[in-house]
């Protein structure tokens, strides 16, 4: 015996569900939600923060990102009327799908036809420390990808993404603190 102990470590790996299985779940989600996507997000601590060098406020939580863009800087002393006038766009990235199920390794979300928009967005309340927004919009698909399998450039490898195209109504409400 050489007195050397060899220790082997085996990493447990979770093999992501197949694209076909996740796509099937997306189709079932659409069938089970004929009214569309209804989400209410109310936060007490985590909120919007100014994006340095811009007139935008950003929120992120659990891989969901929301950006509100304004034509001028918004501060805690800005009035609701001035916030409404200055509003330029909203961008929603990786919006969660309630009741979709758990597919480890996959990032799944509905897609808007454009990356940002203003139509259908109402700013209902702003008191300098919180903002309430109601959004009525359309999504054109549910998209999923396995981020760990994406290449820096070029097409995604087969089986690492899917898209189910379907017009989906969105009724979204956000009640968020703002940290100026």
N, C-alpha and C. Protein backbone atom coordinates (compact mmCIF):
# COMPACT_ATOMS: atom_id res chain seq x y z
N UNK A 1 0.85 -1.19 0.00
CA UNK A 1 0.00 0.00 0.00
C UNK A 1 0.88 1.24 0.00
N UNK A 2 0.48 2.20 -0.76
CA UNK A 2 1.26 3.43 -0.88
C UNK A 2 0.86 4.46 0.17
N UNK A 3 -0.17 4.21 0.92
CA UNK A 3 -0.63 5.15 1.92
C UNK A 3 -1.44 6.30 1.33
N UNK A 4 -1.77 6.25 0.06
CA UNK A 4 -2.55 7.31 -0.59
C UNK A 4 -3.99 6.87 -0.65
N UNK A 5 -4.84 7.72 -0.17
CA UNK A 5 -6.27 7.43 -0.23
C UNK A 5 -6.86 8.22 -1.38
N UNK A 6 -7.54 7.56 -2.22
CA UNK A 6 -8.19 8.24 -3.34
C UNK A 6 -9.66 8.45 -2.99
N UNK A 7 -10.08 9.66 -3.13
CA UNK A 7 -11.49 9.99 -2.87
C UNK A 7 -12.09 10.44 -4.19
N UNK A 8 -13.18 9.84 -4.54
CA UNK A 8 -13.85 10.18 -5.78
C UNK A 8 -15.14 10.93 -5.45
N UNK A 9 -15.33 12.02 -6.12
CA UNK A 9 -16.56 12.80 -5.95
C UNK A 9 -17.38 12.66 -7.21
N UNK A 10 -18.62 12.34 -7.03
CA UNK A 10 -19.53 12.23 -8.17
C UNK A 10 -20.57 13.34 -8.02
N UNK A 11 -20.68 14.11 -9.05
CA UNK A 11 -21.67 15.18 -9.02
C UNK A 11 -23.01 14.64 -9.49
N UNK A 12 -24.02 14.91 -8.69
CA UNK A 12 -25.37 14.54 -9.11
C UNK A 12 -25.81 15.56 -10.14
N UNK A 13 -26.21 15.09 -11.26
CA UNK A 13 -26.68 16.01 -12.29
C UNK A 13 -28.14 15.73 -12.59
N UNK A 14 -28.86 16.80 -12.80
CA UNK A 14 -30.25 16.68 -13.18
C UNK A 14 -30.33 16.87 -14.68
N UNK A 15 -30.84 15.89 -15.33
CA UNK A 15 -31.00 16.00 -16.78
C UNK A 15 -32.29 16.76 -17.02
N UNK A 16 -32.21 17.90 -17.72
CA UNK A 16 -33.43 18.66 -17.97
C UNK A 16 -34.46 17.83 -18.75
N UNK A 17 -35.72 18.15 -18.51
CA UNK A 17 -36.79 17.50 -19.27
C UNK A 17 -36.56 17.77 -20.75
N UNK A 18 -37.09 16.90 -21.58
CA UNK A 18 -36.93 17.09 -23.02
C UNK A 18 -37.72 18.31 -23.49
N UNK A 19 -37.29 18.86 -24.59
CA UNK A 19 -38.00 20.01 -25.17
C UNK A 19 -39.44 19.62 -25.50
N UNK A 20 -39.61 18.39 -25.95
CA UNK A 20 -40.97 17.94 -26.29
C UNK A 20 -41.87 17.92 -25.06
N UNK A 21 -41.34 17.48 -23.92
CA UNK A 21 -42.13 17.41 -22.68
C UNK A 21 -42.50 18.81 -22.20
N UNK A 22 -41.55 19.74 -22.26
CA UNK A 22 -41.82 21.11 -21.80
C UNK A 22 -42.76 21.82 -22.78
N UNK A 23 -42.58 21.57 -24.06
CA UNK A 23 -43.48 22.15 -25.06
C UNK A 23 -44.90 21.64 -24.85
N UNK A 24 -45.04 20.36 -24.56
CA UNK A 24 -46.35 19.78 -24.29
C UNK A 24 -46.98 20.45 -23.06
N UNK A 25 -46.18 20.70 -22.03
CA UNK A 25 -46.68 21.38 -20.83
C UNK A 25 -47.13 22.80 -21.17
N UNK A 26 -46.41 23.47 -22.07
CA UNK A 26 -46.80 24.82 -22.49
C UNK A 26 -48.14 24.79 -23.22
N UNK A 27 -48.32 23.82 -24.10
CA UNK A 27 -49.59 23.70 -24.81
C UNK A 27 -50.74 23.43 -23.83
N UNK A 28 -50.50 22.59 -22.83
CA UNK A 28 -51.53 22.29 -21.83
C UNK A 28 -51.82 23.53 -20.98
N UNK A 29 -50.76 24.30 -20.66
CA UNK A 29 -50.97 25.52 -19.87
C UNK A 29 -51.89 26.47 -20.64
N UNK A 30 -51.65 26.63 -21.92
CA UNK A 30 -52.48 27.52 -22.74
C UNK A 30 -53.93 27.02 -22.75
N UNK A 31 -54.12 25.71 -22.93
CA UNK A 31 -55.47 25.13 -22.93
C UNK A 31 -56.16 25.34 -21.59
N UNK A 32 -55.41 25.25 -20.49
CA UNK A 32 -55.99 25.37 -19.15
C UNK A 32 -56.16 26.82 -18.69
N UNK A 33 -55.68 27.77 -19.48
CA UNK A 33 -55.79 29.18 -19.13
C UNK A 33 -56.39 29.96 -20.30
N UNK A 34 -57.63 29.65 -20.69
CA UNK A 34 -58.24 30.34 -21.84
C UNK A 34 -58.40 31.84 -21.60
N UNK A 35 -58.45 32.25 -20.33
CA UNK A 35 -58.56 33.68 -20.01
C UNK A 35 -57.22 34.37 -20.18
N UNK A 36 -56.14 33.62 -20.35
CA UNK A 36 -54.81 34.19 -20.54
C UNK A 36 -53.99 34.18 -19.27
N UNK A 37 -53.05 35.07 -19.22
CA UNK A 37 -52.10 35.17 -18.12
C UNK A 37 -52.51 36.30 -17.20
N UNK A 38 -52.86 35.96 -15.97
CA UNK A 38 -53.22 36.97 -14.98
C UNK A 38 -52.22 36.87 -13.84
N UNK A 39 -51.50 37.97 -13.61
CA UNK A 39 -50.48 37.99 -12.57
C UNK A 39 -50.63 39.27 -11.76
N UNK A 40 -50.49 39.13 -10.45
CA UNK A 40 -50.40 40.26 -9.55
C UNK A 40 -49.12 40.09 -8.75
N UNK A 41 -48.24 41.06 -8.84
CA UNK A 41 -46.99 41.02 -8.08
C UNK A 41 -46.99 42.22 -7.14
N UNK A 42 -47.01 41.92 -5.85
CA UNK A 42 -46.95 42.94 -4.81
C UNK A 42 -45.73 42.64 -3.95
N UNK A 43 -44.89 43.62 -3.81
CA UNK A 43 -43.68 43.46 -3.02
C UNK A 43 -43.68 44.46 -1.87
N UNK A 44 -43.12 44.04 -0.74
CA UNK A 44 -43.01 44.97 0.38
C UNK A 44 -41.60 45.54 0.49
N UNK A 45 -40.57 44.75 0.18
CA UNK A 45 -39.19 45.21 0.31
C UNK A 45 -38.52 45.39 -1.04
N UNK A 46 -38.48 44.31 -1.81
CA UNK A 46 -37.81 44.33 -3.11
C UNK A 46 -38.60 45.24 -4.03
N UNK A 47 -37.92 46.16 -4.69
CA UNK A 47 -38.66 47.10 -5.52
C UNK A 47 -37.86 47.61 -6.69
N UNK A 48 -38.38 48.66 -7.28
CA UNK A 48 -37.74 49.32 -8.40
C UNK A 48 -36.60 50.20 -7.91
N UNK A 49 -35.55 50.27 -8.72
CA UNK A 49 -34.41 51.14 -8.43
C UNK A 49 -34.03 51.86 -9.70
N UNK A 50 -33.50 53.09 -9.58
CA UNK A 50 -33.04 53.80 -10.78
C UNK A 50 -31.91 53.05 -11.47
N UNK A 51 -31.95 53.03 -12.78
CA UNK A 51 -30.87 52.44 -13.57
C UNK A 51 -29.91 53.57 -13.91
N UNK A 52 -28.71 53.48 -13.38
CA UNK A 52 -27.73 54.56 -13.53
C UNK A 52 -27.54 54.98 -14.98
N UNK A 53 -27.51 56.29 -15.19
CA UNK A 53 -27.27 56.84 -16.52
C UNK A 53 -28.49 56.87 -17.41
N UNK A 54 -29.66 56.50 -16.87
CA UNK A 54 -30.89 56.49 -17.67
C UNK A 54 -32.02 57.14 -16.87
N UNK A 55 -33.17 57.26 -17.49
CA UNK A 55 -34.39 57.69 -16.81
C UNK A 55 -35.29 56.49 -16.54
N UNK A 56 -34.70 55.33 -16.33
CA UNK A 56 -35.45 54.09 -16.14
C UNK A 56 -35.39 53.62 -14.70
N UNK A 57 -36.43 52.88 -14.33
CA UNK A 57 -36.49 52.18 -13.05
C UNK A 57 -36.53 50.69 -13.36
N UNK A 58 -35.77 49.89 -12.61
CA UNK A 58 -35.70 48.46 -12.88
C UNK A 58 -36.03 47.65 -11.64
N UNK A 59 -36.62 46.49 -11.88
CA UNK A 59 -36.99 45.53 -10.83
C UNK A 59 -36.55 44.16 -11.30
N UNK A 60 -35.97 43.38 -10.39
CA UNK A 60 -35.67 41.99 -10.73
C UNK A 60 -35.88 41.13 -9.50
N UNK A 61 -36.42 39.96 -9.75
CA UNK A 61 -36.64 38.98 -8.69
C UNK A 61 -36.85 37.62 -9.34
N UNK A 62 -36.13 36.63 -8.84
CA UNK A 62 -36.29 35.25 -9.32
C UNK A 62 -36.21 35.17 -10.84
N UNK A 63 -35.24 35.82 -11.44
CA UNK A 63 -35.02 35.82 -12.89
C UNK A 63 -36.08 36.58 -13.68
N UNK A 64 -36.97 37.30 -13.02
CA UNK A 64 -37.94 38.15 -13.71
C UNK A 64 -37.43 39.58 -13.67
N UNK A 65 -37.51 40.26 -14.81
CA UNK A 65 -37.02 41.63 -14.92
C UNK A 65 -38.12 42.52 -15.49
N UNK A 66 -38.29 43.69 -14.86
CA UNK A 66 -39.25 44.68 -15.32
C UNK A 66 -38.50 46.01 -15.40
N UNK A 67 -38.66 46.70 -16.51
CA UNK A 67 -38.06 48.02 -16.66
C UNK A 67 -39.16 49.01 -17.03
N UNK A 68 -39.18 50.14 -16.33
CA UNK A 68 -40.06 51.25 -16.67
C UNK A 68 -39.19 52.38 -17.18
N UNK A 69 -39.46 52.84 -18.38
CA UNK A 69 -38.70 53.93 -18.97
C UNK A 69 -39.51 55.22 -18.95
N UNK A 70 -38.83 56.31 -18.71
CA UNK A 70 -39.48 57.62 -18.65
C UNK A 70 -38.71 58.61 -19.53
N UNK A 71 -39.42 59.63 -20.01
CA UNK A 71 -38.80 60.66 -20.83
C UNK A 71 -37.99 61.66 -20.01
N UNK A 72 -38.18 61.63 -18.71
CA UNK A 72 -37.40 62.49 -17.82
C UNK A 72 -37.23 61.77 -16.49
N UNK A 73 -36.31 62.25 -15.69
CA UNK A 73 -36.00 61.61 -14.42
C UNK A 73 -37.18 61.70 -13.46
N UNK A 74 -37.47 60.59 -12.82
CA UNK A 74 -38.54 60.51 -11.82
C UNK A 74 -37.87 60.50 -10.44
N UNK A 75 -38.42 61.28 -9.51
CA UNK A 75 -37.89 61.31 -8.15
C UNK A 75 -39.03 61.07 -7.17
N UNK A 76 -38.71 61.02 -5.90
CA UNK A 76 -39.73 60.80 -4.87
C UNK A 76 -40.69 61.98 -4.76
N UNK A 77 -40.32 63.14 -5.31
CA UNK A 77 -41.20 64.31 -5.23
C UNK A 77 -42.01 64.53 -6.51
N UNK A 78 -41.81 63.68 -7.51
CA UNK A 78 -42.58 63.79 -8.76
C UNK A 78 -44.04 63.45 -8.47
N UNK A 79 -44.96 64.15 -9.08
CA UNK A 79 -46.39 63.89 -8.86
C UNK A 79 -46.84 62.72 -9.74
N UNK A 80 -47.96 62.12 -9.37
CA UNK A 80 -48.55 61.04 -10.17
C UNK A 80 -48.80 61.53 -11.59
N UNK A 81 -49.36 62.71 -11.74
CA UNK A 81 -49.65 63.25 -13.07
C UNK A 81 -48.37 63.38 -13.90
N UNK A 82 -47.29 63.86 -13.29
CA UNK A 82 -46.03 64.01 -14.01
C UNK A 82 -45.40 62.65 -14.35
N UNK A 83 -45.57 61.68 -13.46
CA UNK A 83 -45.08 60.32 -13.75
C UNK A 83 -45.83 59.76 -14.96
N UNK A 84 -47.15 59.94 -14.97
CA UNK A 84 -47.95 59.45 -16.09
C UNK A 84 -47.56 60.13 -17.40
N UNK A 85 -47.30 61.42 -17.37
CA UNK A 85 -46.90 62.15 -18.57
C UNK A 85 -45.52 61.73 -19.06
N UNK A 86 -44.62 61.46 -18.12
CA UNK A 86 -43.24 61.13 -18.47
C UNK A 86 -43.06 59.67 -18.88
N UNK A 87 -44.06 58.83 -18.60
CA UNK A 87 -43.93 57.39 -18.91
C UNK A 87 -43.68 57.19 -20.40
N UNK A 88 -42.70 56.33 -20.71
CA UNK A 88 -42.34 56.06 -22.10
C UNK A 88 -42.57 54.60 -22.48
N UNK A 89 -42.13 53.66 -21.64
CA UNK A 89 -42.26 52.24 -21.99
C UNK A 89 -42.14 51.34 -20.78
N UNK A 90 -42.60 50.11 -20.97
CA UNK A 90 -42.36 49.02 -20.02
C UNK A 90 -41.72 47.88 -20.81
N UNK A 91 -40.80 47.19 -20.18
CA UNK A 91 -40.20 45.98 -20.76
C UNK A 91 -40.33 44.87 -19.72
N UNK A 92 -40.81 43.72 -20.17
CA UNK A 92 -41.01 42.57 -19.30
C UNK A 92 -40.12 41.44 -19.81
N UNK A 93 -39.27 40.93 -18.96
CA UNK A 93 -38.37 39.87 -19.38
C UNK A 93 -38.47 38.71 -18.39
N UNK A 94 -38.75 37.55 -18.91
CA UNK A 94 -38.84 36.32 -18.12
C UNK A 94 -39.95 36.37 -17.08
N UNK A 95 -41.10 36.86 -17.51
CA UNK A 95 -42.29 36.89 -16.67
C UNK A 95 -42.66 35.47 -16.26
N UNK A 96 -42.96 35.24 -14.99
CA UNK A 96 -43.31 33.88 -14.57
C UNK A 96 -44.67 33.43 -15.12
N UNK A 97 -44.82 32.13 -15.25
CA UNK A 97 -46.10 31.54 -15.66
C UNK A 97 -46.66 30.76 -14.47
N UNK A 98 -47.66 31.31 -13.78
CA UNK A 98 -48.24 30.61 -12.64
C UNK A 98 -48.77 29.23 -13.04
N UNK A 99 -48.62 28.27 -12.17
CA UNK A 99 -49.15 26.91 -12.36
C UNK A 99 -48.51 26.18 -13.53
N UNK A 100 -47.35 26.60 -13.98
CA UNK A 100 -46.75 25.94 -15.14
C UNK A 100 -46.11 24.61 -14.77
N UNK A 101 -45.60 24.48 -13.60
CA UNK A 101 -44.89 23.27 -13.22
C UNK A 101 -43.41 23.56 -13.09
N UNK A 102 -42.70 22.61 -12.59
CA UNK A 102 -41.27 22.79 -12.34
C UNK A 102 -40.47 21.98 -13.35
N UNK A 103 -39.65 22.66 -14.10
CA UNK A 103 -38.79 22.02 -15.08
C UNK A 103 -37.35 22.50 -14.85
N UNK A 104 -36.65 21.86 -13.91
CA UNK A 104 -35.28 22.29 -13.59
C UNK A 104 -34.41 22.34 -14.84
N UNK A 105 -33.62 23.39 -14.92
CA UNK A 105 -32.72 23.56 -16.06
C UNK A 105 -33.32 24.37 -17.18
N UNK A 106 -34.62 24.57 -17.17
CA UNK A 106 -35.30 25.33 -18.22
C UNK A 106 -35.65 26.72 -17.73
N UNK A 107 -35.59 27.70 -18.60
CA UNK A 107 -36.09 29.05 -18.36
C UNK A 107 -37.26 29.24 -19.33
N UNK A 108 -38.46 29.41 -18.77
CA UNK A 108 -39.69 29.42 -19.57
C UNK A 108 -40.46 30.70 -19.28
N UNK A 109 -40.91 31.37 -20.34
CA UNK A 109 -41.68 32.60 -20.13
C UNK A 109 -42.50 32.93 -21.37
N UNK A 110 -43.54 33.77 -21.18
CA UNK A 110 -44.29 34.26 -22.33
C UNK A 110 -43.49 35.37 -23.02
N UNK A 111 -43.75 35.55 -24.31
CA UNK A 111 -43.04 36.58 -25.08
C UNK A 111 -44.02 37.61 -25.63
N UNK A 112 -43.67 38.88 -25.43
CA UNK A 112 -44.42 39.96 -26.06
C UNK A 112 -43.90 40.12 -27.49
N UNK A 113 -44.72 40.64 -28.40
CA UNK A 113 -44.27 40.79 -29.79
C UNK A 113 -43.11 41.77 -29.97
N UNK A 114 -42.98 42.72 -29.03
CA UNK A 114 -41.89 43.70 -29.07
C UNK A 114 -41.21 43.72 -27.70
N UNK A 115 -39.97 44.17 -27.67
CA UNK A 115 -39.22 44.12 -26.41
C UNK A 115 -39.72 45.12 -25.37
N UNK A 116 -40.30 46.22 -25.82
CA UNK A 116 -40.88 47.19 -24.89
C UNK A 116 -42.10 47.82 -25.56
N UNK A 117 -43.00 48.35 -24.72
CA UNK A 117 -44.24 48.91 -25.26
C UNK A 117 -44.83 49.88 -24.24
N UNK A 118 -45.79 50.66 -24.68
CA UNK A 118 -46.48 51.59 -23.77
C UNK A 118 -48.00 51.41 -23.83
N UNK A 119 -48.48 50.88 -24.93
CA UNK A 119 -49.92 50.69 -25.09
C UNK A 119 -50.44 49.69 -24.06
N UNK A 120 -51.54 50.03 -23.41
CA UNK A 120 -52.16 49.14 -22.44
C UNK A 120 -51.58 49.27 -21.03
N UNK A 121 -50.68 50.24 -20.82
CA UNK A 121 -50.06 50.42 -19.52
C UNK A 121 -50.69 51.61 -18.82
N UNK A 122 -51.15 51.39 -17.59
CA UNK A 122 -51.73 52.46 -16.78
C UNK A 122 -50.95 52.56 -15.48
N UNK A 123 -50.50 53.74 -15.15
CA UNK A 123 -49.89 53.98 -13.85
C UNK A 123 -51.00 54.54 -12.98
N UNK A 124 -51.46 53.72 -12.04
CA UNK A 124 -52.64 54.06 -11.24
C UNK A 124 -52.33 54.84 -9.98
N UNK A 125 -51.12 54.63 -9.45
CA UNK A 125 -50.78 55.31 -8.22
C UNK A 125 -49.27 55.49 -8.12
N UNK A 126 -48.85 56.62 -7.58
CA UNK A 126 -47.46 56.90 -7.31
C UNK A 126 -47.43 57.89 -6.16
N UNK A 127 -46.79 57.49 -5.06
CA UNK A 127 -46.74 58.39 -3.90
C UNK A 127 -45.32 58.78 -3.51
N UNK A 128 -44.37 58.53 -4.40
CA UNK A 128 -42.99 58.86 -4.11
C UNK A 128 -42.19 57.70 -3.55
N UNK A 129 -42.90 56.69 -3.01
CA UNK A 129 -42.20 55.52 -2.48
C UNK A 129 -42.75 54.20 -3.03
N UNK A 130 -43.91 54.24 -3.67
CA UNK A 130 -44.52 53.06 -4.29
C UNK A 130 -45.16 53.47 -5.60
N UNK A 131 -45.28 52.46 -6.48
CA UNK A 131 -45.96 52.69 -7.75
C UNK A 131 -46.87 51.50 -8.02
N UNK A 132 -48.06 51.78 -8.52
CA UNK A 132 -49.00 50.72 -8.92
C UNK A 132 -49.24 50.85 -10.41
N UNK A 133 -49.04 49.73 -11.10
CA UNK A 133 -49.14 49.70 -12.56
C UNK A 133 -50.07 48.58 -12.97
N UNK A 134 -50.92 48.84 -13.95
CA UNK A 134 -51.77 47.80 -14.52
C UNK A 134 -51.45 47.71 -16.00
N UNK A 135 -51.22 46.50 -16.46
CA UNK A 135 -50.83 46.28 -17.85
C UNK A 135 -51.79 45.29 -18.49
N UNK A 136 -52.36 45.69 -19.62
CA UNK A 136 -53.14 44.78 -20.45
C UNK A 136 -52.40 44.68 -21.77
N UNK A 137 -51.97 43.47 -22.11
CA UNK A 137 -51.17 43.29 -23.30
C UNK A 137 -51.42 41.92 -23.90
N UNK A 138 -50.76 41.64 -24.97
CA UNK A 138 -50.83 40.34 -25.64
C UNK A 138 -49.43 39.75 -25.70
N UNK A 139 -49.39 38.45 -25.50
CA UNK A 139 -48.17 37.67 -25.70
C UNK A 139 -48.40 36.83 -26.94
N UNK A 140 -47.36 36.57 -27.71
CA UNK A 140 -47.54 35.79 -28.93
C UNK A 140 -47.04 34.35 -28.81
N UNK A 141 -46.34 34.07 -27.69
CA UNK A 141 -45.84 32.70 -27.55
C UNK A 141 -45.38 32.44 -26.13
N UNK A 142 -45.18 31.17 -25.86
CA UNK A 142 -44.44 30.74 -24.67
C UNK A 142 -43.15 30.12 -25.20
N UNK A 143 -42.05 30.60 -24.65
CA UNK A 143 -40.72 30.19 -25.11
C UNK A 143 -39.95 29.57 -23.96
N UNK A 144 -39.18 28.56 -24.26
CA UNK A 144 -38.34 27.94 -23.26
C UNK A 144 -36.97 27.64 -23.80
N UNK A 145 -35.98 27.71 -22.91
CA UNK A 145 -34.60 27.47 -23.30
C UNK A 145 -33.86 26.86 -22.11
N UNK A 146 -32.85 26.05 -22.42
CA UNK A 146 -31.95 25.53 -21.40
C UNK A 146 -30.71 26.43 -21.43
N UNK A 147 -30.62 27.41 -20.52
CA UNK A 147 -29.52 28.38 -20.59
C UNK A 147 -28.12 27.75 -20.58
N UNK A 148 -27.96 26.66 -19.86
CA UNK A 148 -26.64 26.04 -19.77
C UNK A 148 -26.18 25.42 -21.09
N UNK A 149 -27.10 25.26 -22.03
CA UNK A 149 -26.77 24.64 -23.31
C UNK A 149 -26.68 25.65 -24.46
N UNK A 150 -26.84 26.93 -24.14
CA UNK A 150 -26.81 27.94 -25.19
C UNK A 150 -25.38 28.32 -25.55
N UNK A 151 -25.15 28.48 -26.81
CA UNK A 151 -23.85 28.87 -27.31
C UNK A 151 -23.75 30.38 -27.35
N UNK A 152 -22.54 30.90 -27.29
CA UNK A 152 -22.36 32.35 -27.35
C UNK A 152 -22.87 32.93 -28.65
N UNK A 153 -22.61 32.26 -29.75
CA UNK A 153 -23.06 32.70 -31.08
C UNK A 153 -23.63 31.49 -31.80
N UNK A 154 -24.50 31.78 -32.69
CA UNK A 154 -25.03 30.70 -33.52
C UNK A 154 -26.32 30.14 -32.98
N UNK A 155 -26.87 29.19 -33.71
CA UNK A 155 -28.15 28.62 -33.31
C UNK A 155 -28.03 27.75 -32.06
N UNK A 156 -29.12 27.65 -31.34
CA UNK A 156 -29.17 26.79 -30.17
C UNK A 156 -29.18 25.34 -30.62
N UNK A 157 -28.54 24.46 -29.86
CA UNK A 157 -28.56 23.05 -30.23
C UNK A 157 -29.98 22.49 -30.19
N UNK A 158 -30.30 21.58 -31.09
CA UNK A 158 -31.63 20.96 -31.09
C UNK A 158 -31.94 20.36 -29.71
N UNK A 159 -33.21 20.50 -29.30
CA UNK A 159 -33.63 19.92 -28.03
C UNK A 159 -33.38 20.81 -26.82
N UNK A 160 -32.84 22.02 -27.05
CA UNK A 160 -32.54 22.92 -25.92
C UNK A 160 -33.45 24.15 -25.91
N UNK A 161 -34.46 24.13 -26.76
CA UNK A 161 -35.38 25.27 -26.79
C UNK A 161 -36.70 24.80 -27.41
N UNK A 162 -37.74 25.60 -27.19
CA UNK A 162 -39.02 25.36 -27.85
C UNK A 162 -39.77 26.69 -27.89
N UNK A 163 -40.78 26.75 -28.72
CA UNK A 163 -41.67 27.90 -28.77
C UNK A 163 -43.05 27.42 -29.19
N UNK A 164 -44.05 27.77 -28.38
CA UNK A 164 -45.44 27.49 -28.72
C UNK A 164 -46.08 28.83 -29.04
N UNK A 165 -46.44 29.01 -30.30
CA UNK A 165 -47.04 30.28 -30.72
C UNK A 165 -48.55 30.24 -30.52
N UNK A 166 -49.04 31.21 -29.78
CA UNK A 166 -50.47 31.33 -29.52
C UNK A 166 -50.70 32.72 -28.96
N UNK A 167 -51.76 33.38 -29.41
CA UNK A 167 -52.12 34.69 -28.88
C UNK A 167 -52.63 34.50 -27.45
N UNK A 168 -51.97 35.12 -26.49
CA UNK A 168 -52.31 34.97 -25.07
C UNK A 168 -52.54 36.35 -24.49
N UNK A 169 -53.72 36.58 -23.91
CA UNK A 169 -54.03 37.85 -23.27
C UNK A 169 -53.29 37.94 -21.94
N UNK A 170 -52.76 39.11 -21.63
CA UNK A 170 -52.09 39.33 -20.35
C UNK A 170 -52.75 40.43 -19.56
N UNK A 171 -53.07 40.13 -18.31
CA UNK A 171 -53.64 41.10 -17.38
C UNK A 171 -52.72 41.11 -16.16
N UNK A 172 -51.86 42.11 -16.09
CA UNK A 172 -50.78 42.13 -15.11
C UNK A 172 -50.90 43.34 -14.19
N UNK A 173 -50.70 43.11 -12.91
CA UNK A 173 -50.72 44.20 -11.93
C UNK A 173 -49.44 44.15 -11.11
N UNK A 174 -48.85 45.31 -10.91
CA UNK A 174 -47.61 45.43 -10.14
C UNK A 174 -47.83 46.51 -9.08
N UNK A 175 -47.48 46.21 -7.85
CA UNK A 175 -47.51 47.15 -6.75
C UNK A 175 -46.14 47.05 -6.08
N UNK A 176 -45.27 48.01 -6.41
CA UNK A 176 -43.86 47.88 -6.04
C UNK A 176 -43.34 49.12 -5.30
N UNK A 177 -42.50 48.89 -4.30
CA UNK A 177 -41.80 50.04 -3.72
C UNK A 177 -40.75 50.57 -4.69
N UNK A 178 -40.37 51.81 -4.51
CA UNK A 178 -39.30 52.40 -5.32
C UNK A 178 -38.22 52.87 -4.35
N UNK A 179 -36.99 52.49 -4.65
CA UNK A 179 -35.84 52.85 -3.82
C UNK A 179 -34.99 53.86 -4.58
N UNK A 180 -35.29 55.14 -4.37
CA UNK A 180 -34.54 56.20 -5.04
C UNK A 180 -33.17 56.37 -4.39
